[in-house]
């Protein structure tokens, strides 16, 4: 029989997972926005939306963090994550003309700030109403709050996290050192963004 302490610990862990996790059903969007990461699975939801006829545009953002960080799927560490994603998408049947890339950003805020001007110049924000957002499951809350701060207020967001076998499952994040690391780091980053005024929602 679980003690009251064990129950409370379990409730806290579950609350953390619920806070970070955001996911909507696949639906039509004007633009599928993909944030880069150290593993290429983030491109999967955008490819799925395109092949299902739910989007005609994929926007990939990210150069990647500073060079000191290990990039496990990059043989050439100078190649931006977004360009690797672009190549993967094309290899999997997405037309090159349906993909746009922002390849300078090195963090979540820059993903949105750098892409905002480019999207305005490419499509015009008045022509975009719905956007799917894709990142790692533990990253989705900060992704949404950053989008709400950095992008036009009229947009509606569809949250489509990526899943990969080598990613720590968010629903049991506390059971592995990697899961604990990423969740604690994400909570810290949300706090830092909030203190700087870089997110909406607090």
N, C-alpha and C. Protein backbone atom coordinates (compact mmCIF):
# COMPACT_ATOMS: atom_id res chain seq x y z
N UNK A 1 0.84 -1.20 0.00
CA UNK A 1 0.00 0.00 0.00
C UNK A 1 0.88 1.25 0.00
N UNK A 2 0.56 2.20 -0.89
CA UNK A 2 1.35 3.41 -0.99
C UNK A 2 1.12 4.32 0.22
N UNK A 3 2.20 4.95 0.66
CA UNK A 3 2.08 5.92 1.74
C UNK A 3 1.55 7.24 1.19
N UNK A 4 1.10 8.11 2.08
CA UNK A 4 0.60 9.42 1.64
C UNK A 4 1.71 10.22 0.97
N UNK A 5 2.94 10.03 1.45
CA UNK A 5 4.07 10.73 0.82
C UNK A 5 4.26 10.26 -0.61
N UNK A 6 4.23 8.95 -0.82
CA UNK A 6 4.40 8.41 -2.16
C UNK A 6 3.31 8.91 -3.10
N UNK A 7 2.10 9.00 -2.60
CA UNK A 7 0.99 9.49 -3.42
C UNK A 7 1.22 10.95 -3.81
N UNK A 8 1.68 11.74 -2.86
CA UNK A 8 1.92 13.16 -3.15
C UNK A 8 3.06 13.33 -4.14
N UNK A 9 4.11 12.56 -3.99
CA UNK A 9 5.22 12.62 -4.94
C UNK A 9 4.73 12.25 -6.34
N UNK A 10 3.93 11.21 -6.43
CA UNK A 10 3.39 10.79 -7.72
C UNK A 10 2.52 11.88 -8.33
N UNK A 11 1.74 12.56 -7.50
CA UNK A 11 0.88 13.64 -7.99
C UNK A 11 1.71 14.80 -8.53
N UNK A 12 2.79 15.13 -7.84
CA UNK A 12 3.66 16.22 -8.30
C UNK A 12 4.30 15.85 -9.64
N UNK A 13 4.80 14.64 -9.75
CA UNK A 13 5.43 14.21 -10.99
C UNK A 13 4.44 14.25 -12.14
N UNK A 14 3.23 13.77 -11.89
CA UNK A 14 2.20 13.78 -12.93
C UNK A 14 1.81 15.21 -13.31
N UNK A 15 1.77 16.10 -12.33
CA UNK A 15 1.43 17.50 -12.61
C UNK A 15 2.48 18.16 -13.48
N UNK A 16 3.74 17.85 -13.24
CA UNK A 16 4.82 18.39 -14.07
C UNK A 16 4.65 17.92 -15.51
N UNK A 17 4.38 16.63 -15.70
CA UNK A 17 4.19 16.10 -17.04
C UNK A 17 3.00 16.74 -17.73
N UNK A 18 1.89 16.92 -17.00
CA UNK A 18 0.70 17.56 -17.59
C UNK A 18 0.98 19.00 -17.99
N UNK A 19 1.76 19.70 -17.17
CA UNK A 19 2.09 21.09 -17.48
C UNK A 19 2.90 21.20 -18.76
N UNK A 20 3.89 20.37 -18.91
CA UNK A 20 4.78 20.46 -20.07
C UNK A 20 4.14 19.91 -21.34
N UNK A 21 3.31 18.90 -21.20
CA UNK A 21 2.79 18.20 -22.37
C UNK A 21 1.61 18.95 -22.99
N UNK A 22 1.71 19.20 -24.30
CA UNK A 22 0.63 19.80 -25.07
C UNK A 22 0.54 19.04 -26.38
N UNK A 23 -0.65 18.56 -26.71
CA UNK A 23 -0.80 17.81 -27.95
C UNK A 23 -2.24 17.91 -28.45
N UNK A 24 -2.38 18.24 -29.73
CA UNK A 24 -3.68 18.30 -30.39
C UNK A 24 -3.75 17.23 -31.47
N UNK A 25 -4.97 16.91 -31.87
CA UNK A 25 -5.16 15.99 -32.97
C UNK A 25 -4.69 16.62 -34.28
N UNK A 26 -4.20 15.82 -35.24
CA UNK A 26 -3.83 16.37 -36.55
C UNK A 26 -5.03 17.08 -37.19
N UNK A 27 -4.78 18.22 -37.78
CA UNK A 27 -5.83 19.00 -38.43
C UNK A 27 -5.20 19.94 -39.45
N UNK A 28 -5.99 20.50 -40.36
CA UNK A 28 -5.42 21.37 -41.39
C UNK A 28 -4.78 22.61 -40.79
N UNK A 29 -3.61 22.96 -41.29
CA UNK A 29 -2.92 24.18 -40.86
C UNK A 29 -2.32 24.87 -42.08
N UNK A 30 -2.18 26.18 -41.98
CA UNK A 30 -1.59 26.94 -43.07
C UNK A 30 -0.08 26.77 -43.13
N UNK A 31 0.53 26.47 -41.98
CA UNK A 31 1.98 26.33 -41.91
C UNK A 31 2.34 25.34 -40.81
N UNK A 32 3.26 24.45 -41.10
CA UNK A 32 3.79 23.53 -40.10
C UNK A 32 5.17 24.02 -39.70
N UNK A 33 5.32 24.41 -38.44
CA UNK A 33 6.56 25.00 -37.94
C UNK A 33 7.30 23.97 -37.09
N UNK A 34 8.55 23.72 -37.45
CA UNK A 34 9.35 22.67 -36.81
C UNK A 34 10.58 23.31 -36.16
N UNK A 35 10.78 23.06 -34.88
CA UNK A 35 11.97 23.52 -34.19
C UNK A 35 13.03 22.42 -34.21
N UNK A 36 14.27 22.81 -34.43
CA UNK A 36 15.35 21.84 -34.48
C UNK A 36 15.66 21.25 -33.12
N UNK A 37 16.35 20.12 -33.14
CA UNK A 37 16.82 19.48 -31.91
C UNK A 37 17.98 18.56 -32.27
N UNK A 38 18.53 17.91 -31.26
CA UNK A 38 19.71 17.07 -31.48
C UNK A 38 19.41 15.78 -32.22
N UNK A 39 18.16 15.39 -32.28
CA UNK A 39 17.77 14.20 -33.04
C UNK A 39 16.72 14.60 -34.06
N UNK A 40 16.67 13.94 -35.21
CA UNK A 40 15.86 14.42 -36.32
C UNK A 40 14.38 14.08 -36.27
N UNK A 41 13.89 13.47 -35.22
CA UNK A 41 12.49 13.06 -35.19
C UNK A 41 11.51 14.23 -35.19
N UNK A 42 11.97 15.43 -34.89
CA UNK A 42 11.06 16.58 -34.90
C UNK A 42 10.42 16.82 -36.26
N UNK A 43 11.06 16.38 -37.32
CA UNK A 43 10.50 16.61 -38.64
C UNK A 43 9.32 15.68 -38.93
N UNK A 44 9.18 14.60 -38.19
CA UNK A 44 8.18 13.57 -38.50
C UNK A 44 6.74 14.10 -38.52
N UNK A 45 6.28 14.84 -37.49
CA UNK A 45 4.89 15.30 -37.53
C UNK A 45 4.58 16.20 -38.73
N UNK A 46 5.53 17.03 -39.14
CA UNK A 46 5.30 17.89 -40.29
C UNK A 46 5.19 17.07 -41.57
N UNK A 47 6.04 16.08 -41.71
CA UNK A 47 5.95 15.19 -42.87
C UNK A 47 4.60 14.48 -42.88
N UNK A 48 4.17 14.01 -41.73
CA UNK A 48 2.87 13.33 -41.64
C UNK A 48 1.73 14.25 -42.04
N UNK A 49 1.75 15.50 -41.57
CA UNK A 49 0.71 16.45 -41.93
C UNK A 49 0.69 16.71 -43.42
N UNK A 50 1.87 16.87 -44.00
CA UNK A 50 1.94 17.14 -45.44
C UNK A 50 1.40 15.97 -46.24
N UNK A 51 1.82 14.77 -45.89
CA UNK A 51 1.39 13.59 -46.64
C UNK A 51 -0.10 13.30 -46.45
N UNK A 52 -0.66 13.77 -45.34
CA UNK A 52 -2.10 13.60 -45.10
C UNK A 52 -2.92 14.71 -45.76
N UNK A 53 -2.26 15.63 -46.43
CA UNK A 53 -2.96 16.73 -47.07
C UNK A 53 -3.43 17.80 -46.12
N UNK A 54 -2.82 17.86 -44.93
CA UNK A 54 -3.25 18.81 -43.90
C UNK A 54 -2.42 20.08 -43.87
N UNK A 55 -1.34 20.13 -44.63
CA UNK A 55 -0.57 21.36 -44.79
C UNK A 55 0.13 21.33 -46.13
N UNK A 56 0.42 22.52 -46.64
CA UNK A 56 1.15 22.63 -47.90
C UNK A 56 2.50 23.31 -47.70
N UNK A 57 2.78 23.72 -46.46
CA UNK A 57 4.01 24.46 -46.18
C UNK A 57 4.66 23.93 -44.91
N UNK A 58 5.95 23.70 -44.98
CA UNK A 58 6.73 23.29 -43.82
C UNK A 58 7.84 24.32 -43.60
N UNK A 59 7.91 24.85 -42.40
CA UNK A 59 8.95 25.82 -42.04
C UNK A 59 9.82 25.19 -40.96
N UNK A 60 11.12 25.10 -41.22
CA UNK A 60 12.05 24.47 -40.29
C UNK A 60 13.00 25.54 -39.74
N UNK A 61 13.16 25.58 -38.43
CA UNK A 61 13.95 26.62 -37.80
C UNK A 61 15.03 26.03 -36.91
N UNK A 62 16.24 26.53 -37.05
CA UNK A 62 17.29 26.16 -36.10
C UNK A 62 18.64 25.89 -36.72
N UNK A 63 19.62 26.58 -36.20
CA UNK A 63 21.02 26.24 -36.51
C UNK A 63 21.49 25.17 -35.54
N UNK A 64 21.01 25.28 -34.30
CA UNK A 64 21.45 24.37 -33.24
C UNK A 64 22.15 25.16 -32.15
N UNK A 65 22.27 24.59 -30.95
CA UNK A 65 22.96 25.25 -29.85
C UNK A 65 24.44 25.48 -30.16
N UNK A 66 25.10 26.10 -29.24
CA UNK A 66 26.51 26.44 -29.43
C UNK A 66 27.34 25.17 -29.68
N UNK A 67 28.46 25.28 -30.39
CA UNK A 67 29.24 24.10 -30.78
C UNK A 67 29.70 23.21 -29.64
N UNK A 68 29.74 23.73 -28.42
CA UNK A 68 30.22 22.90 -27.30
C UNK A 68 29.29 21.74 -27.01
N UNK A 69 28.06 21.79 -27.50
CA UNK A 69 27.10 20.74 -27.19
C UNK A 69 27.21 19.60 -28.19
N UNK A 70 27.07 18.41 -27.69
CA UNK A 70 27.17 17.20 -28.50
C UNK A 70 25.96 17.09 -29.41
N UNK A 71 26.19 16.82 -30.68
CA UNK A 71 25.11 16.66 -31.64
C UNK A 71 25.18 15.24 -32.18
N UNK A 72 24.46 14.29 -31.62
CA UNK A 72 24.66 12.88 -31.92
C UNK A 72 24.39 12.46 -33.35
N UNK A 73 23.55 13.20 -34.09
CA UNK A 73 23.26 12.74 -35.44
C UNK A 73 23.97 13.58 -36.49
N UNK A 74 24.89 14.44 -36.07
CA UNK A 74 25.57 15.31 -37.01
C UNK A 74 27.01 14.86 -37.25
N UNK A 75 27.29 14.41 -38.44
CA UNK A 75 28.66 14.10 -38.79
C UNK A 75 29.42 15.39 -39.05
N UNK A 76 28.74 16.34 -39.68
CA UNK A 76 29.32 17.65 -39.93
C UNK A 76 28.69 18.64 -38.95
N UNK A 77 29.40 19.00 -37.90
CA UNK A 77 28.82 19.82 -36.86
C UNK A 77 28.57 21.25 -37.32
N UNK A 78 29.12 21.65 -38.47
CA UNK A 78 28.88 22.99 -38.98
C UNK A 78 27.55 23.07 -39.71
N UNK A 79 26.93 21.95 -40.02
CA UNK A 79 25.68 21.95 -40.77
C UNK A 79 24.51 22.22 -39.83
N UNK A 80 23.70 23.24 -40.12
CA UNK A 80 22.57 23.55 -39.25
C UNK A 80 21.57 22.40 -39.16
N UNK A 81 20.95 22.27 -38.00
CA UNK A 81 19.93 21.24 -37.82
C UNK A 81 18.83 21.37 -38.85
N UNK A 82 18.42 22.60 -39.13
CA UNK A 82 17.31 22.80 -40.06
C UNK A 82 17.64 22.29 -41.45
N UNK A 83 18.88 22.39 -41.87
CA UNK A 83 19.26 21.90 -43.20
C UNK A 83 19.26 20.37 -43.22
N UNK A 84 19.63 19.76 -42.11
CA UNK A 84 19.56 18.30 -42.02
C UNK A 84 18.10 17.85 -42.09
N UNK A 85 17.24 18.53 -41.35
CA UNK A 85 15.81 18.21 -41.40
C UNK A 85 15.27 18.37 -42.82
N UNK A 86 15.67 19.45 -43.47
CA UNK A 86 15.21 19.70 -44.84
C UNK A 86 15.59 18.55 -45.75
N UNK A 87 16.82 18.10 -45.64
CA UNK A 87 17.27 16.99 -46.48
C UNK A 87 16.48 15.71 -46.19
N UNK A 88 16.23 15.45 -44.91
CA UNK A 88 15.46 14.26 -44.54
C UNK A 88 14.05 14.34 -45.13
N UNK A 89 13.43 15.50 -45.02
CA UNK A 89 12.07 15.66 -45.54
C UNK A 89 12.02 15.42 -47.05
N UNK A 90 12.99 15.96 -47.77
CA UNK A 90 13.04 15.76 -49.22
C UNK A 90 13.26 14.29 -49.55
N UNK A 91 14.15 13.64 -48.82
CA UNK A 91 14.40 12.21 -49.04
C UNK A 91 13.15 11.38 -48.80
N UNK A 92 12.26 11.88 -47.95
CA UNK A 92 11.03 11.15 -47.63
C UNK A 92 9.84 11.61 -48.47
N UNK A 93 10.12 12.35 -49.51
CA UNK A 93 9.09 12.64 -50.50
C UNK A 93 8.43 13.99 -50.43
N UNK A 94 8.91 14.89 -49.56
CA UNK A 94 8.34 16.23 -49.50
C UNK A 94 8.99 17.09 -50.58
N UNK A 95 8.22 17.77 -51.43
CA UNK A 95 8.82 18.61 -52.48
C UNK A 95 9.67 19.72 -51.88
N UNK A 96 10.81 19.97 -52.48
CA UNK A 96 11.71 21.01 -51.97
C UNK A 96 11.02 22.37 -51.92
N UNK A 97 10.13 22.62 -52.88
CA UNK A 97 9.47 23.92 -52.94
C UNK A 97 8.41 24.10 -51.84
N UNK A 98 8.14 23.04 -51.08
CA UNK A 98 7.17 23.13 -49.98
C UNK A 98 7.87 23.35 -48.64
N UNK A 99 9.19 23.52 -48.65
CA UNK A 99 9.97 23.63 -47.41
C UNK A 99 10.72 24.97 -47.39
N UNK A 100 10.63 25.66 -46.27
CA UNK A 100 11.40 26.88 -46.05
C UNK A 100 12.24 26.69 -44.79
N UNK A 101 13.38 27.36 -44.75
CA UNK A 101 14.35 27.11 -43.67
C UNK A 101 14.86 28.43 -43.09
N UNK A 102 14.91 28.48 -41.78
CA UNK A 102 15.62 29.52 -41.03
C UNK A 102 16.77 28.82 -40.33
N UNK A 103 18.01 29.18 -40.64
CA UNK A 103 19.15 28.39 -40.16
C UNK A 103 20.16 29.17 -39.33
N UNK A 104 19.69 30.24 -38.63
CA UNK A 104 20.60 31.02 -37.80
C UNK A 104 20.34 30.87 -36.30
N UNK A 105 19.14 30.48 -35.91
CA UNK A 105 18.74 30.51 -34.50
C UNK A 105 19.44 29.43 -33.69
N UNK A 106 19.73 29.77 -32.43
CA UNK A 106 20.41 28.82 -31.55
C UNK A 106 19.65 28.56 -30.25
N UNK A 107 18.42 29.10 -30.14
CA UNK A 107 17.58 28.81 -28.98
C UNK A 107 16.12 29.03 -29.36
N UNK A 108 15.22 28.70 -28.44
CA UNK A 108 13.79 28.74 -28.74
C UNK A 108 13.31 30.14 -29.08
N UNK A 109 13.72 31.14 -28.32
CA UNK A 109 13.30 32.50 -28.61
C UNK A 109 13.74 32.92 -30.01
N UNK A 110 14.99 32.63 -30.35
CA UNK A 110 15.49 32.98 -31.68
C UNK A 110 14.74 32.24 -32.78
N UNK A 111 14.34 30.99 -32.51
CA UNK A 111 13.53 30.26 -33.49
C UNK A 111 12.35 31.11 -33.95
N UNK A 112 11.66 31.69 -33.00
CA UNK A 112 10.45 32.45 -33.32
C UNK A 112 10.75 33.86 -33.81
N UNK A 113 11.69 34.54 -33.18
CA UNK A 113 12.00 35.92 -33.56
C UNK A 113 12.61 35.96 -34.96
N UNK A 114 13.58 35.11 -35.23
CA UNK A 114 14.23 35.12 -36.54
C UNK A 114 13.25 34.69 -37.64
N UNK A 115 12.40 33.72 -37.33
CA UNK A 115 11.46 33.23 -38.34
C UNK A 115 10.34 34.22 -38.60
N UNK A 116 9.98 35.03 -37.61
CA UNK A 116 8.84 35.94 -37.75
C UNK A 116 9.01 36.88 -38.94
N UNK A 117 10.17 37.51 -39.04
CA UNK A 117 10.41 38.44 -40.14
C UNK A 117 10.44 37.71 -41.48
N UNK A 118 11.03 36.53 -41.48
CA UNK A 118 11.12 35.77 -42.72
C UNK A 118 9.75 35.30 -43.20
N UNK A 119 8.90 34.87 -42.26
CA UNK A 119 7.56 34.43 -42.64
C UNK A 119 6.74 35.60 -43.16
N UNK A 120 6.87 36.76 -42.54
CA UNK A 120 6.18 37.95 -43.04
C UNK A 120 6.63 38.27 -44.46
N UNK A 121 7.93 38.21 -44.70
CA UNK A 121 8.44 38.52 -46.04
C UNK A 121 8.06 37.45 -47.07
N UNK A 122 7.95 36.21 -46.64
CA UNK A 122 7.68 35.10 -47.56
C UNK A 122 6.20 34.96 -47.88
N UNK A 123 5.36 34.97 -46.85
CA UNK A 123 3.92 34.73 -47.04
C UNK A 123 3.05 35.93 -46.68
N UNK A 124 3.52 36.71 -45.70
CA UNK A 124 2.67 37.73 -45.09
C UNK A 124 1.83 37.10 -43.99
N UNK A 125 1.95 37.62 -42.78
CA UNK A 125 1.23 37.01 -41.66
C UNK A 125 -0.28 37.05 -41.84
N UNK A 126 -0.77 38.00 -42.63
CA UNK A 126 -2.22 38.06 -42.84
C UNK A 126 -2.73 36.85 -43.62
N UNK A 127 -1.83 36.13 -44.27
CA UNK A 127 -2.21 34.94 -45.04
C UNK A 127 -2.03 33.65 -44.24
N UNK A 128 -1.60 33.78 -42.99
CA UNK A 128 -1.41 32.62 -42.12
C UNK A 128 -2.37 32.76 -40.93
N UNK A 129 -3.21 31.74 -40.75
CA UNK A 129 -4.15 31.76 -39.62
C UNK A 129 -3.87 30.65 -38.61
N UNK A 130 -3.47 29.50 -39.11
CA UNK A 130 -3.24 28.34 -38.23
C UNK A 130 -1.83 27.80 -38.44
N UNK A 131 -1.17 27.46 -37.36
CA UNK A 131 0.21 26.96 -37.41
C UNK A 131 0.33 25.76 -36.49
N UNK A 132 0.90 24.67 -37.01
CA UNK A 132 1.26 23.56 -36.12
C UNK A 132 2.67 23.81 -35.59
N UNK A 133 2.89 23.47 -34.34
CA UNK A 133 4.19 23.63 -33.71
C UNK A 133 4.71 22.26 -33.30
N UNK A 134 5.96 21.97 -33.67
CA UNK A 134 6.54 20.67 -33.35
C UNK A 134 7.88 20.84 -32.65
N UNK A 135 8.02 20.15 -31.52
CA UNK A 135 9.28 20.08 -30.78
C UNK A 135 9.21 18.80 -29.94
N UNK A 136 10.20 18.60 -29.09
CA UNK A 136 10.17 17.46 -28.19
C UNK A 136 9.00 17.60 -27.20
N UNK A 137 8.44 16.50 -26.70
CA UNK A 137 7.28 16.60 -25.81
C UNK A 137 7.50 17.51 -24.60
N UNK A 138 8.68 17.43 -23.97
CA UNK A 138 8.94 18.24 -22.78
C UNK A 138 9.13 19.72 -23.11
N UNK A 139 9.28 20.05 -24.37
CA UNK A 139 9.57 21.41 -24.82
C UNK A 139 8.30 22.17 -25.21
N UNK A 140 7.17 21.47 -25.34
CA UNK A 140 6.01 22.05 -26.00
C UNK A 140 5.41 23.24 -25.25
N UNK A 141 5.40 23.24 -23.93
CA UNK A 141 4.83 24.36 -23.18
C UNK A 141 5.60 25.65 -23.47
N UNK A 142 6.92 25.59 -23.41
CA UNK A 142 7.71 26.80 -23.67
C UNK A 142 7.60 27.22 -25.12
N UNK A 143 7.50 26.26 -26.02
CA UNK A 143 7.31 26.57 -27.43
C UNK A 143 6.03 27.39 -27.62
N UNK A 144 4.93 26.93 -27.05
CA UNK A 144 3.67 27.65 -27.20
C UNK A 144 3.74 29.04 -26.57
N UNK A 145 4.26 29.14 -25.37
CA UNK A 145 4.30 30.43 -24.69
C UNK A 145 5.22 31.42 -25.40
N UNK A 146 6.28 30.91 -26.03
CA UNK A 146 7.16 31.78 -26.80
C UNK A 146 6.47 32.25 -28.07
N UNK A 147 5.75 31.35 -28.73
CA UNK A 147 5.00 31.73 -29.93
C UNK A 147 3.96 32.80 -29.60
N UNK A 148 3.26 32.64 -28.49
CA UNK A 148 2.24 33.61 -28.10
C UNK A 148 2.84 34.99 -27.87
N UNK A 149 4.08 35.05 -27.42
CA UNK A 149 4.75 36.32 -27.18
C UNK A 149 5.33 36.93 -28.45
N UNK A 150 5.93 36.10 -29.29
CA UNK A 150 6.74 36.60 -30.41
C UNK A 150 5.97 36.76 -31.72
N UNK A 151 4.87 36.05 -31.86
CA UNK A 151 4.16 36.04 -33.14
C UNK A 151 2.82 36.75 -33.03
N UNK A 152 2.18 37.06 -34.17
CA UNK A 152 0.92 37.81 -34.17
C UNK A 152 -0.18 37.14 -33.35
N UNK A 153 -1.01 37.98 -32.76
CA UNK A 153 -2.03 37.49 -31.82
C UNK A 153 -3.17 36.74 -32.49
N UNK A 154 -3.34 36.91 -33.79
CA UNK A 154 -4.49 36.27 -34.46
C UNK A 154 -4.27 34.78 -34.73
N UNK A 155 -3.07 34.29 -34.55
CA UNK A 155 -2.75 32.91 -34.92
C UNK A 155 -3.38 31.91 -33.96
N UNK A 156 -3.78 30.77 -34.53
CA UNK A 156 -4.23 29.64 -33.72
C UNK A 156 -3.21 28.52 -33.88
N UNK A 157 -2.84 27.89 -32.77
CA UNK A 157 -1.77 26.90 -32.79
C UNK A 157 -2.30 25.49 -32.58
N UNK A 158 -1.69 24.57 -33.32
CA UNK A 158 -1.98 23.15 -33.20
C UNK A 158 -0.69 22.48 -32.72
N UNK A 159 -0.73 21.87 -31.56
CA UNK A 159 0.48 21.34 -30.95
C UNK A 159 0.69 19.89 -31.38
N UNK A 160 1.82 19.64 -32.05
CA UNK A 160 2.13 18.32 -32.58
C UNK A 160 3.54 17.90 -32.14
N UNK A 161 3.72 17.42 -30.92
CA UNK A 161 5.04 17.00 -30.46
C UNK A 161 5.56 15.80 -31.24
N UNK A 162 6.87 15.67 -31.26
CA UNK A 162 7.50 14.52 -31.92
C UNK A 162 7.75 13.42 -30.89
N UNK A 163 7.83 12.21 -31.39
CA UNK A 163 8.13 11.07 -30.52
C UNK A 163 9.19 10.21 -31.19
N UNK A 164 10.16 9.78 -30.41
CA UNK A 164 11.21 8.90 -30.93
C UNK A 164 11.59 7.91 -29.84
N UNK A 165 12.02 6.74 -30.25
CA UNK A 165 12.36 5.69 -29.29
C UNK A 165 13.48 6.10 -28.35
N UNK A 166 14.38 6.95 -28.83
CA UNK A 166 15.52 7.33 -27.99
C UNK A 166 15.23 8.56 -27.13
N UNK A 167 14.02 9.10 -27.19
CA UNK A 167 13.65 10.22 -26.33
C UNK A 167 13.09 9.69 -25.01
N UNK A 168 13.40 10.34 -23.89
CA UNK A 168 12.82 9.90 -22.62
C UNK A 168 11.32 10.16 -22.60
N UNK A 169 10.48 9.17 -22.29
CA UNK A 169 9.03 9.38 -22.25
C UNK A 169 8.65 10.41 -21.19
N UNK A 170 7.85 11.38 -21.58
CA UNK A 170 7.50 12.44 -20.64
C UNK A 170 6.63 11.94 -19.50
N UNK A 171 5.78 10.94 -19.76
CA UNK A 171 4.85 10.50 -18.72
C UNK A 171 5.55 9.75 -17.58
N UNK A 172 6.78 9.32 -17.81
CA UNK A 172 7.57 8.70 -16.73
C UNK A 172 8.96 9.35 -16.67
N UNK A 173 8.99 10.66 -16.79
CA UNK A 173 10.24 11.41 -16.93
C UNK A 173 11.21 11.18 -15.77
N UNK A 174 10.69 10.91 -14.58
CA UNK A 174 11.53 10.79 -13.38
C UNK A 174 12.25 9.45 -13.28
N UNK A 175 11.98 8.52 -14.18
CA UNK A 175 12.53 7.17 -14.06
C UNK A 175 13.90 7.02 -14.70
N UNK A 176 14.39 8.05 -15.37
CA UNK A 176 15.71 7.95 -16.00
C UNK A 176 16.49 9.24 -15.78
N UNK A 177 17.82 9.15 -15.71
CA UNK A 177 18.62 10.36 -15.57
C UNK A 177 18.40 11.34 -16.72
N UNK A 178 18.25 10.83 -17.94
CA UNK A 178 18.03 11.70 -19.09
C UNK A 178 16.70 12.41 -18.98
N UNK A 179 15.66 11.68 -18.60
CA UNK A 179 14.35 12.30 -18.43
C UNK A 179 14.36 13.37 -17.36
N UNK A 180 14.99 13.08 -16.23
CA UNK A 180 15.06 14.07 -15.16
C UNK A 180 15.83 15.30 -15.61
N UNK A 181 16.92 15.08 -16.34
CA UNK A 181 17.73 16.20 -16.80
C UNK A 181 16.92 17.14 -17.69
N UNK A 182 16.25 16.58 -18.71
CA UNK A 182 15.55 17.42 -19.68
C UNK A 182 14.35 18.11 -19.06
N UNK A 183 13.63 17.44 -18.21
CA UNK A 183 12.46 18.07 -17.59
C UNK A 183 12.89 19.18 -16.64
N UNK A 184 13.90 18.95 -15.81
CA UNK A 184 14.37 19.98 -14.90
C UNK A 184 14.96 21.17 -15.67
N UNK A 185 15.68 20.86 -16.72
CA UNK A 185 16.24 21.93 -17.56
C UNK A 185 15.14 22.75 -18.20
N UNK A 186 14.08 22.09 -18.64
CA UNK A 186 12.97 22.80 -19.28
C UNK A 186 12.24 23.69 -18.29
N UNK A 187 11.99 23.20 -17.10
CA UNK A 187 11.35 24.03 -16.08
C UNK A 187 12.21 25.25 -15.76
N UNK A 188 13.51 25.04 -15.68
CA UNK A 188 14.43 26.15 -15.44
C UNK A 188 14.37 27.16 -16.58
N UNK A 189 14.32 26.67 -17.81
CA UNK A 189 14.28 27.56 -18.98
C UNK A 189 12.98 28.35 -19.03
N UNK A 190 11.87 27.72 -18.68
CA UNK A 190 10.60 28.43 -18.64
C UNK A 190 10.68 29.57 -17.63
N UNK A 191 11.26 29.30 -16.46
CA UNK A 191 11.42 30.34 -15.47
C UNK A 191 12.29 31.48 -15.96
N UNK A 192 13.39 31.15 -16.63
CA UNK A 192 14.30 32.17 -17.15
C UNK A 192 13.61 33.02 -18.21
N UNK A 193 12.87 32.37 -19.11
CA UNK A 193 12.15 33.12 -20.15
C UNK A 193 11.09 34.03 -19.52
N UNK A 194 10.40 33.51 -18.50
CA UNK A 194 9.36 34.31 -17.85
C UNK A 194 9.97 35.55 -17.18
N UNK A 195 11.10 35.39 -16.51
CA UNK A 195 11.74 36.50 -15.83
C UNK A 195 12.18 37.58 -16.82
N UNK A 196 12.54 37.19 -18.03
CA UNK A 196 12.97 38.15 -19.06
C UNK A 196 11.81 38.70 -19.88
N UNK A 197 10.61 38.18 -19.67
CA UNK A 197 9.47 38.65 -20.43
C UNK A 197 9.41 38.10 -21.84
N UNK A 198 10.01 36.93 -22.06
CA UNK A 198 10.08 36.36 -23.41
C UNK A 198 8.94 35.40 -23.72
N UNK A 199 8.03 35.17 -22.76
CA UNK A 199 6.91 34.27 -22.99
C UNK A 199 5.62 34.89 -22.49
N UNK A 200 4.50 34.42 -23.04
CA UNK A 200 3.17 34.76 -22.54
C UNK A 200 2.65 33.58 -21.72
N UNK A 201 1.79 33.88 -20.75
CA UNK A 201 1.15 32.80 -20.03
C UNK A 201 1.37 32.83 -18.53
N UNK A 202 2.17 33.78 -18.04
CA UNK A 202 2.36 33.91 -16.60
C UNK A 202 1.86 35.28 -16.15
